């Protein structure tokens, strides 16, 4: 029994480390050397070599033999397309968010909770020359910005409180809330009104309105966010804008149940 438990623990740790390696890559750092991966993951070089060799063999990573750098492989592209094709959330959300993007011309994103972060899984770019860039895979802390807080605020209260207890609030901009009591009050207000608004809280010069997409039990499965540069703020009726985002979230919810 001891050996079986030990083996299971070892297997889980190995999977977690492999995932850690894959998550080390980003839009800003699409290619990484073994030394850089060692620094980013904290995995010992001897173990890291085995993980990298296995991931390359399985097609999840590609190694450039000339530069000795690694990048994400085509197997992930295949799996990503499979998820996109089969995900009911993405299937339902795409036409609704596309319509919102067309009617406003602004950046529209679909976001989910990934661990203790908010991650973008779908984005329609702004048609304006001046815009705030968001991209698929982009992540941020759950305590900062409308897209994050519209997810955090609707978690069950025990999970909500546990997150507040454990998180370290770090100012991203001068508008980021770094008081836990103030953040709690803000989240409860969002929970009551049903949507979140932020102004330069995570990205300077960006105004955002976000609403959760909730399951039948009230738990948030995703959030819809519209991001507008502050310089275009006065071009919009904020009530109308909020109603449009809420209507989109309700339309998606109605097709998910």
Protein backbone atom coordinates (compact mmCIF):
# COMPACT_ATOMS: atom_id res chain seq x y z
CA UNK A 1 0.00 0.00 0.00
CA UNK A 2 2.80 2.42 0.87
CA UNK A 3 4.53 1.74 -2.46
CA UNK A 4 1.30 2.32 -4.39
CA UNK A 5 0.65 5.67 -2.67
CA UNK A 6 4.25 6.71 -3.17
CA UNK A 7 4.03 5.84 -6.88
CA UNK A 8 0.80 7.84 -7.26
CA UNK A 9 2.35 10.85 -5.56
CA UNK A 10 5.40 10.61 -7.81
CA UNK A 11 3.21 10.43 -10.91
CA UNK A 12 1.19 13.49 -9.86
CA UNK A 13 4.37 15.47 -9.21
CA UNK A 14 5.74 14.50 -12.62
CA UNK A 15 2.56 15.65 -14.35
CA UNK A 16 2.59 18.91 -12.42
CA UNK A 17 6.21 19.55 -13.40
CA UNK A 18 5.49 18.82 -17.06
CA UNK A 19 2.60 21.29 -16.94
CA UNK A 20 4.89 23.80 -15.25
CA UNK A 21 7.29 23.52 -18.18
CA UNK A 22 4.54 24.12 -20.73
CA UNK A 23 3.14 27.07 -18.76
CA UNK A 24 6.58 28.71 -18.72
CA UNK A 25 6.09 29.75 -22.36
CA UNK A 26 4.14 32.92 -23.15
CA UNK A 27 3.47 35.38 -25.96
CA UNK A 28 6.35 37.50 -24.63
CA UNK A 29 8.65 34.48 -24.30
CA UNK A 30 7.70 31.95 -27.02
CA UNK A 31 11.20 30.46 -27.08
CA UNK A 32 13.22 29.45 -24.02
CA UNK A 33 16.55 27.74 -23.43
CA UNK A 34 17.02 24.98 -20.86
CA UNK A 35 18.74 27.46 -18.54
CA UNK A 36 15.81 29.86 -18.81
CA UNK A 37 13.32 27.03 -18.21
CA UNK A 38 15.32 25.96 -15.17
CA UNK A 39 15.08 29.49 -13.75
CA UNK A 40 11.38 29.86 -14.53
CA UNK A 41 10.26 26.43 -13.26
CA UNK A 42 12.77 25.69 -10.50
CA UNK A 43 13.07 22.12 -11.81
CA UNK A 44 16.57 20.66 -11.44
CA UNK A 45 18.51 20.42 -14.72
CA UNK A 46 18.80 16.62 -14.55
CA UNK A 47 15.02 16.20 -14.20
CA UNK A 48 14.29 19.03 -16.62
CA UNK A 49 16.30 17.33 -19.36
CA UNK A 50 14.11 14.22 -19.07
CA UNK A 51 10.91 16.27 -19.18
CA UNK A 52 12.08 18.24 -22.21
CA UNK A 53 13.17 15.12 -24.11
CA UNK A 54 9.81 13.45 -23.43
CA UNK A 55 7.77 16.53 -24.39
CA UNK A 56 9.77 16.92 -27.62
CA UNK A 57 9.25 13.22 -28.47
CA UNK A 58 5.50 13.55 -27.92
CA UNK A 59 5.29 16.73 -30.01
CA UNK A 60 4.34 19.06 -27.15
CA UNK A 61 7.62 20.93 -27.53
CA UNK A 62 9.90 21.62 -30.48
CA UNK A 63 13.66 22.01 -30.08
CA UNK A 64 15.65 24.17 -32.45
CA UNK A 65 18.91 22.23 -32.72
CA UNK A 66 20.71 25.30 -34.01
CA UNK A 67 19.83 27.67 -31.14
CA UNK A 68 19.13 24.94 -28.54
CA UNK A 69 15.92 26.74 -27.64
CA UNK A 70 12.50 25.18 -27.10
CA UNK A 71 9.05 26.31 -28.18
CA UNK A 72 5.54 24.88 -27.92
CA UNK A 73 4.89 22.05 -30.37
CA UNK A 74 2.20 21.19 -32.90
CA UNK A 75 0.55 18.59 -30.64
CA UNK A 76 -0.70 21.48 -28.51
CA UNK A 77 -2.10 23.19 -31.60
CA UNK A 78 -4.05 20.05 -32.46
CA UNK A 79 -5.39 19.69 -28.91
CA UNK A 80 -6.24 23.39 -28.78
CA UNK A 81 -8.27 23.13 -31.97
CA UNK A 82 -10.00 20.03 -30.63
CA UNK A 83 -10.96 21.86 -27.43
CA UNK A 84 -12.16 24.84 -29.46
CA UNK A 85 -14.32 22.66 -31.69
CA UNK A 86 -15.80 20.62 -28.83
CA UNK A 87 -16.18 23.28 -26.12
CA UNK A 88 -19.83 24.20 -25.72
CA UNK A 89 -18.83 27.44 -23.96
CA UNK A 90 -16.68 28.60 -26.89
CA UNK A 91 -19.20 27.39 -29.46
CA UNK A 92 -22.01 29.34 -27.80
CA UNK A 93 -19.95 32.41 -26.91
CA UNK A 94 -18.23 33.06 -30.26
CA UNK A 95 -21.19 34.42 -32.29
CA UNK A 96 -22.51 36.43 -29.34
CA UNK A 97 -19.18 38.06 -28.57
CA UNK A 98 -18.51 38.62 -32.28
CA UNK A 99 -21.79 40.54 -32.52
CA UNK A 100 -20.86 42.67 -29.48
CA UNK A 101 -17.46 43.33 -31.04
CA UNK A 102 -19.07 44.41 -34.34
CA UNK A 103 -21.58 46.72 -32.65
CA UNK A 104 -18.99 48.50 -30.48
CA UNK A 105 -15.74 48.07 -32.40
CA UNK A 106 -14.04 47.50 -29.03
CA UNK A 107 -11.99 44.61 -27.69
CA UNK A 108 -14.17 41.81 -26.30
CA UNK A 109 -12.76 38.87 -24.34
CA UNK A 110 -13.92 35.66 -22.70
CA UNK A 111 -12.04 34.74 -19.52
CA UNK A 112 -11.92 31.84 -17.07
CA UNK A 113 -10.35 31.11 -13.69
CA UNK A 114 -7.06 29.25 -14.02
CA UNK A 115 -5.71 28.41 -10.55
CA UNK A 116 -5.44 31.78 -8.82
CA UNK A 117 -5.42 33.76 -12.05
CA UNK A 118 -7.77 35.01 -14.73
CA UNK A 119 -6.92 33.70 -18.20
CA UNK A 120 -8.27 34.85 -21.56
CA UNK A 121 -9.55 31.98 -23.74
CA UNK A 122 -11.19 33.97 -26.55
CA UNK A 123 -10.68 37.51 -27.83
CA UNK A 124 -12.07 39.72 -30.57
CA UNK A 125 -9.74 42.63 -31.25
CA UNK A 126 -10.81 46.26 -31.43
CA UNK A 127 -11.27 47.73 -34.91
CA UNK A 128 -9.93 51.09 -33.71
CA UNK A 129 -6.32 52.11 -34.34
CA UNK A 130 -6.02 53.04 -30.65
CA UNK A 131 -6.90 50.03 -28.54
CA UNK A 132 -5.89 47.97 -25.53
CA UNK A 133 -4.42 44.68 -26.65
CA UNK A 134 -5.68 41.43 -25.16
CA UNK A 135 -4.71 38.00 -26.42
CA UNK A 136 -5.62 34.37 -25.83
CA UNK A 137 -3.52 33.01 -22.98
CA UNK A 138 -3.15 36.41 -21.33
CA UNK A 139 -3.40 36.08 -17.53
CA UNK A 140 -3.64 38.35 -14.49
CA UNK A 141 -4.29 38.09 -10.73
CA UNK A 142 -7.90 37.52 -9.71
CA UNK A 143 -7.89 40.63 -7.51
CA UNK A 144 -7.17 43.20 -10.24
CA UNK A 145 -9.33 44.37 -13.13
CA UNK A 146 -12.98 43.91 -14.05
CA UNK A 147 -12.50 40.66 -15.99
CA UNK A 148 -10.87 39.06 -12.95
CA UNK A 149 -13.11 40.45 -10.22
CA UNK A 150 -16.31 39.53 -12.07
CA UNK A 151 -15.13 35.93 -11.63
CA UNK A 152 -13.76 36.16 -8.09
CA UNK A 153 -16.82 37.97 -6.72
CA UNK A 154 -19.21 35.16 -7.66
CA UNK A 155 -17.26 32.25 -6.22
CA UNK A 156 -18.89 30.50 -3.23
CA UNK A 157 -18.27 32.62 -0.11
CA UNK A 158 -15.92 30.09 1.51
CA UNK A 159 -13.68 30.03 -1.60
CA UNK A 160 -13.92 33.80 -1.93
CA UNK A 161 -12.81 34.26 1.71
CA UNK A 162 -10.04 31.64 1.46
CA UNK A 163 -8.61 33.44 -1.56
CA UNK A 164 -8.62 36.77 0.30
CA UNK A 165 -6.92 35.16 3.27
CA UNK A 166 -4.13 33.62 1.20
CA UNK A 167 -3.47 36.22 -1.51
CA UNK A 168 -0.80 38.90 -1.34
CA UNK A 169 -2.16 42.10 -2.88
CA UNK A 170 0.48 43.85 -4.97
CA UNK A 171 -0.18 47.17 -6.67
CA UNK A 172 -0.05 46.82 -10.47
CA UNK A 173 -1.04 50.45 -11.07
CA UNK A 174 -1.85 53.27 -8.66
CA UNK A 175 -5.53 52.27 -8.98
CA UNK A 176 -5.08 48.63 -7.91
CA UNK A 177 -6.83 47.88 -4.61
CA UNK A 178 -4.22 46.63 -2.14
CA UNK A 179 -6.35 46.69 1.04
CA UNK A 180 -8.06 43.35 1.70
CA UNK A 181 -10.96 45.01 3.49
CA UNK A 182 -11.49 47.44 0.63
CA UNK A 183 -11.24 44.60 -1.90
CA UNK A 184 -13.79 42.55 0.06
CA UNK A 185 -16.24 45.49 0.03
CA UNK A 186 -15.67 46.01 -3.70
CA UNK A 187 -16.25 42.31 -4.46
CA UNK A 188 -19.45 42.23 -2.41
CA UNK A 189 -20.68 45.29 -4.32
CA UNK A 190 -19.90 43.54 -7.62
CA UNK A 191 -21.71 40.43 -6.38
CA UNK A 192 -24.77 42.50 -5.55
CA UNK A 193 -24.94 44.53 -8.78
CA UNK A 194 -24.01 41.62 -11.06
CA UNK A 195 -21.10 43.18 -12.95
CA UNK A 196 -17.67 44.78 -12.46
CA UNK A 197 -16.19 48.05 -13.71
CA UNK A 198 -12.53 49.04 -13.50
CA UNK A 199 -10.57 52.09 -14.60
CA UNK A 200 -6.80 51.76 -15.08
CA UNK A 201 -6.76 49.18 -12.29
CA UNK A 202 -4.54 46.70 -14.09
CA UNK A 203 -3.62 48.47 -17.33
CA UNK A 204 -3.13 52.23 -17.31
CA UNK A 205 -5.53 53.98 -19.65
CA UNK A 206 -7.96 51.07 -19.92
CA UNK A 207 -11.61 51.18 -18.86
CA UNK A 208 -13.38 47.80 -18.55
CA UNK A 209 -16.87 46.47 -17.97
CA UNK A 210 -17.25 42.76 -17.22
CA UNK A 211 -20.05 40.37 -16.35
CA UNK A 212 -19.90 36.73 -15.23
CA UNK A 213 -21.34 33.77 -17.08
CA UNK A 214 -22.80 31.58 -14.35
CA UNK A 215 -23.99 28.01 -14.17
CA UNK A 216 -27.40 27.10 -12.77
CA UNK A 217 -25.93 26.92 -9.24
CA UNK A 218 -24.57 30.47 -9.56
CA UNK A 219 -20.92 29.51 -9.90
CA UNK A 220 -19.00 31.55 -12.50
CA UNK A 221 -17.74 29.52 -15.45
CA UNK A 222 -16.36 32.53 -17.34
CA UNK A 223 -16.60 36.30 -17.70
CA UNK A 224 -17.23 38.61 -20.66
CA UNK A 225 -15.23 41.83 -20.78
CA UNK A 226 -15.25 44.89 -22.97
CA UNK A 227 -12.09 47.03 -22.81
CA UNK A 228 -12.07 50.66 -23.93
CA UNK A 229 -9.21 53.15 -23.90
CA UNK A 230 -10.01 55.88 -21.35
CA UNK A 231 -9.71 58.55 -24.08
CA UNK A 232 -12.88 57.08 -25.70
CA UNK A 233 -14.73 56.81 -22.42
CA UNK A 234 -17.04 59.75 -23.07
CA UNK A 235 -18.14 58.27 -26.40
CA UNK A 236 -20.28 55.71 -24.57
CA UNK A 237 -23.36 55.70 -22.40
CA UNK A 238 -22.04 53.60 -19.48
CA UNK A 239 -25.49 52.26 -18.59
CA UNK A 240 -26.05 51.10 -22.16
CA UNK A 241 -22.58 49.59 -22.31
CA UNK A 242 -23.15 47.65 -19.08
CA UNK A 243 -26.55 46.44 -20.29
CA UNK A 244 -24.97 45.18 -23.54
CA UNK A 245 -22.35 43.16 -21.65
CA UNK A 246 -24.98 41.77 -19.25
CA UNK A 247 -27.27 40.86 -22.16
CA UNK A 248 -24.42 38.97 -23.84
CA UNK A 249 -23.65 37.01 -20.66
CA UNK A 250 -27.34 36.13 -20.20
CA UNK A 251 -27.61 35.02 -23.83
CA UNK A 252 -24.69 32.64 -23.35
CA UNK A 253 -26.05 31.35 -20.04
CA UNK A 254 -29.44 30.59 -21.63
CA UNK A 255 -27.78 28.31 -24.19
CA UNK A 256 -25.50 26.54 -21.68
CA UNK A 257 -28.22 25.33 -19.32
